[in-house]
Amino acid sequence: MPDTKQKFIVDEWLWHDLSGENGLERQKQAFHFLEQLVRKCDMLVSMKGSAFEQKFYNLCLLRDVVVHQIVRYCRNFILSNSQKYLAIAQHDCPPLPDDWNVKPDDRYLACLAIAGHGTVVTTDAPLIQELRHHQIECIHRDDLLDVY
């Protein structure tokens, strides 16, 4: 039976949304995404020590009751579950070609994507444009959450 698990390389919008920084509606949408990810047996993929992981640790420091519950959910059902979260070492991904126009903060996302670790989910229009130019799977956060 083929593996139908979807793998998502999500950038830091997730943590900004879950913190409530981008409003209550986006916080609810982001949490619903995580609930669906768990229910559907899909997976988040990131790079060890990346901005994605760092921003999660920053989220853990917030003292908001709702955010604390979200952090607990993320830790218990996703980040501590090898079926839901995969952290790849940088040396296990190919380097990004020099001619790619990707901001330094986003290079880890592109490296994971060119290594075939999943679909990039971002709000960064220039990153989407560059990835699509190189035929790399990517989707805007809003477009994914509309259908997921």
Protein backbone atom coordinates (compact mmCIF):
# COMPACT_ATOMS: atom_id res chain seq x y z
CA MET A 1 0.00 0.00 0.00
CA PRO A 2 1.53 3.36 -1.00
CA ASP A 3 2.36 5.96 1.63
CA THR A 4 -0.31 8.66 1.39
CA LYS A 5 1.06 10.67 4.28
CA GLN A 6 1.45 14.33 3.36
CA LYS A 7 4.63 15.99 4.57
CA PHE A 8 4.63 19.71 5.16
CA ILE A 9 7.68 21.93 5.50
CA VAL A 10 6.07 24.80 7.37
CA ASP A 11 7.82 28.06 8.07
CA GLU A 12 7.43 30.26 11.12
CA TRP A 13 3.97 31.63 10.26
CA LEU A 14 2.64 28.67 12.23
CA TRP A 15 4.12 29.84 15.53
CA HIS A 16 3.22 33.49 14.90
CA ASP A 17 -0.36 32.48 14.21
CA LEU A 18 -0.56 30.10 17.17
CA SER A 19 0.80 32.77 19.51
CA GLY A 20 -2.16 34.98 18.64
CA GLU A 21 0.19 37.59 17.19
CA ASN A 22 -1.77 37.60 13.91
CA GLY A 23 -5.22 37.63 15.50
CA LEU A 24 -7.66 35.15 16.96
CA GLU A 25 -8.99 33.93 13.60
CA ARG A 26 -5.54 32.98 12.34
CA GLN A 27 -4.77 31.34 15.68
CA LYS A 28 -7.88 29.18 15.31
CA GLN A 29 -7.03 28.33 11.70
CA ALA A 30 -3.49 27.33 12.61
CA PHE A 31 -4.65 25.16 15.50
CA HIS A 32 -7.27 23.52 13.27
CA PHE A 33 -4.45 22.75 10.81
CA LEU A 34 -2.54 20.96 13.58
CA GLU A 35 -5.63 19.02 14.65
CA GLN A 36 -6.19 17.92 11.05
CA LEU A 37 -2.52 16.98 10.69
CA VAL A 38 -2.83 14.67 13.70
CA ARG A 39 -6.18 13.25 12.58
CA LYS A 40 -5.02 12.58 9.02
CA CYS A 41 -1.70 11.09 10.14
CA ASP A 42 0.26 13.67 8.14
CA MET A 43 3.63 15.08 9.16
CA LEU A 44 5.58 18.29 9.75
CA VAL A 45 9.20 18.31 8.59
CA SER A 46 11.83 20.81 9.62
CA MET A 47 15.55 21.18 10.06
CA LYS A 48 17.23 20.68 13.40
CA GLY A 49 18.08 24.02 14.97
CA SER A 50 16.15 25.97 12.33
CA ALA A 51 14.19 29.17 12.86
CA PHE A 52 11.07 26.98 12.91
CA GLU A 53 12.33 25.10 15.97
CA GLN A 54 13.69 28.26 17.62
CA LYS A 55 10.36 30.04 17.28
CA PHE A 56 8.58 27.09 18.89
CA TYR A 57 10.90 27.39 21.88
CA ASN A 58 10.12 31.11 22.02
CA LEU A 59 6.41 30.26 21.99
CA CYS A 60 6.99 28.02 25.01
CA LEU A 61 8.13 31.08 26.99
CA LEU A 62 4.87 32.98 26.54
CA ARG A 63 2.68 33.14 29.64
CA ASP A 64 -0.70 33.19 27.88
CA VAL A 65 -3.02 30.37 29.09
CA VAL A 66 -4.32 29.55 25.59
CA VAL A 67 -0.81 29.55 24.12
CA HIS A 68 0.34 27.27 26.94
CA GLN A 69 -2.38 24.76 26.00
CA ILE A 70 -1.38 24.99 22.33
CA VAL A 71 2.27 24.41 23.23
CA ARG A 72 1.31 21.35 25.27
CA TYR A 73 -0.74 20.00 22.35
CA CYS A 74 2.14 20.57 19.92
CA ARG A 75 4.62 18.90 22.22
CA ASN A 76 2.44 15.90 23.14
CA PHE A 77 0.82 15.11 19.80
CA ILE A 78 3.25 16.35 17.17
CA LEU A 79 6.80 17.25 18.16
CA SER A 80 7.35 14.21 20.38
CA ASN A 81 5.79 11.82 17.84
CA SER A 82 8.13 10.52 15.14
CA GLN A 83 5.09 9.76 12.96
CA LYS A 84 4.09 13.45 13.07
CA TYR A 85 7.37 15.37 13.20
CA LEU A 86 10.67 14.80 11.48
CA ALA A 87 13.70 17.01 12.16
CA ILE A 88 16.39 16.63 9.50
CA ALA A 89 20.04 17.49 10.15
CA GLN A 90 21.42 20.18 7.85
CA HIS A 91 24.18 17.87 6.62
CA ASP A 92 21.51 15.42 5.41
CA CYS A 93 20.19 17.94 2.87
CA PRO A 94 21.90 19.05 -0.32
CA PRO A 95 23.18 22.62 -0.35
CA LEU A 96 21.03 25.17 -2.08
CA PRO A 97 22.43 26.06 -5.52
CA ASP A 98 24.14 29.47 -5.61
CA ASP A 99 21.85 30.81 -8.32
CA TRP A 100 18.70 30.43 -6.21
CA ASN A 101 17.26 33.72 -4.99
CA VAL A 102 16.25 32.70 -1.45
CA LYS A 103 16.68 34.85 1.66
CA PRO A 104 19.18 33.41 4.17
CA ASP A 105 16.40 32.83 6.74
CA ASP A 106 14.46 30.70 4.24
CA ARG A 107 17.29 28.62 2.84
CA TYR A 108 16.58 25.71 5.18
CA LEU A 109 13.03 25.47 3.78
CA ALA A 110 14.29 25.29 0.20
CA CYS A 111 16.99 22.76 1.12
CA LEU A 112 14.42 20.47 2.72
CA ALA A 113 12.18 20.82 -0.31
CA ILE A 114 14.85 20.06 -2.91
CA ALA A 115 15.79 16.99 -0.83
CA GLY A 116 12.20 15.82 -1.31
CA HIS A 117 11.09 16.07 2.31
CA GLY A 118 7.70 17.64 1.58
CA THR A 119 5.69 20.61 0.39
CA VAL A 120 6.75 24.05 1.60
CA VAL A 121 3.90 25.95 3.27
CA THR A 122 4.69 29.63 3.57
CA THR A 123 3.30 33.16 3.45
CA ASP A 124 6.42 34.46 1.70
CA ALA A 125 5.46 35.38 -1.90
CA PRO A 126 9.07 35.74 -3.18
CA LEU A 127 9.92 32.30 -1.74
CA ILE A 128 6.88 30.74 -3.41
CA GLN A 129 7.83 32.38 -6.70
CA GLU A 130 11.42 31.10 -6.52
CA LEU A 131 10.38 27.57 -5.54
CA ARG A 132 7.82 27.40 -8.32
CA HIS A 133 10.42 28.68 -10.77
CA HIS A 134 12.47 25.58 -9.89
CA GLN A 135 9.42 23.25 -9.94
CA ILE A 136 9.53 22.70 -6.17
CA GLU A 137 6.25 21.88 -4.43
CA CYS A 138 4.99 24.79 -2.36
CA ILE A 139 1.73 26.39 -1.33
CA HIS A 140 0.67 29.59 0.38
CA ARG A 141 -0.55 29.13 3.95
CA ASP A 142 -4.01 30.51 3.12
CA ASP A 143 -4.46 28.23 0.12
CA LEU A 144 -3.56 25.13 2.11
CA LEU A 145 -5.75 26.01 5.08
CA ASP A 146 -8.70 26.68 2.76
CA VAL A 147 -8.66 23.04 1.63
CA TYR A 148 -6.99 21.10 4.45
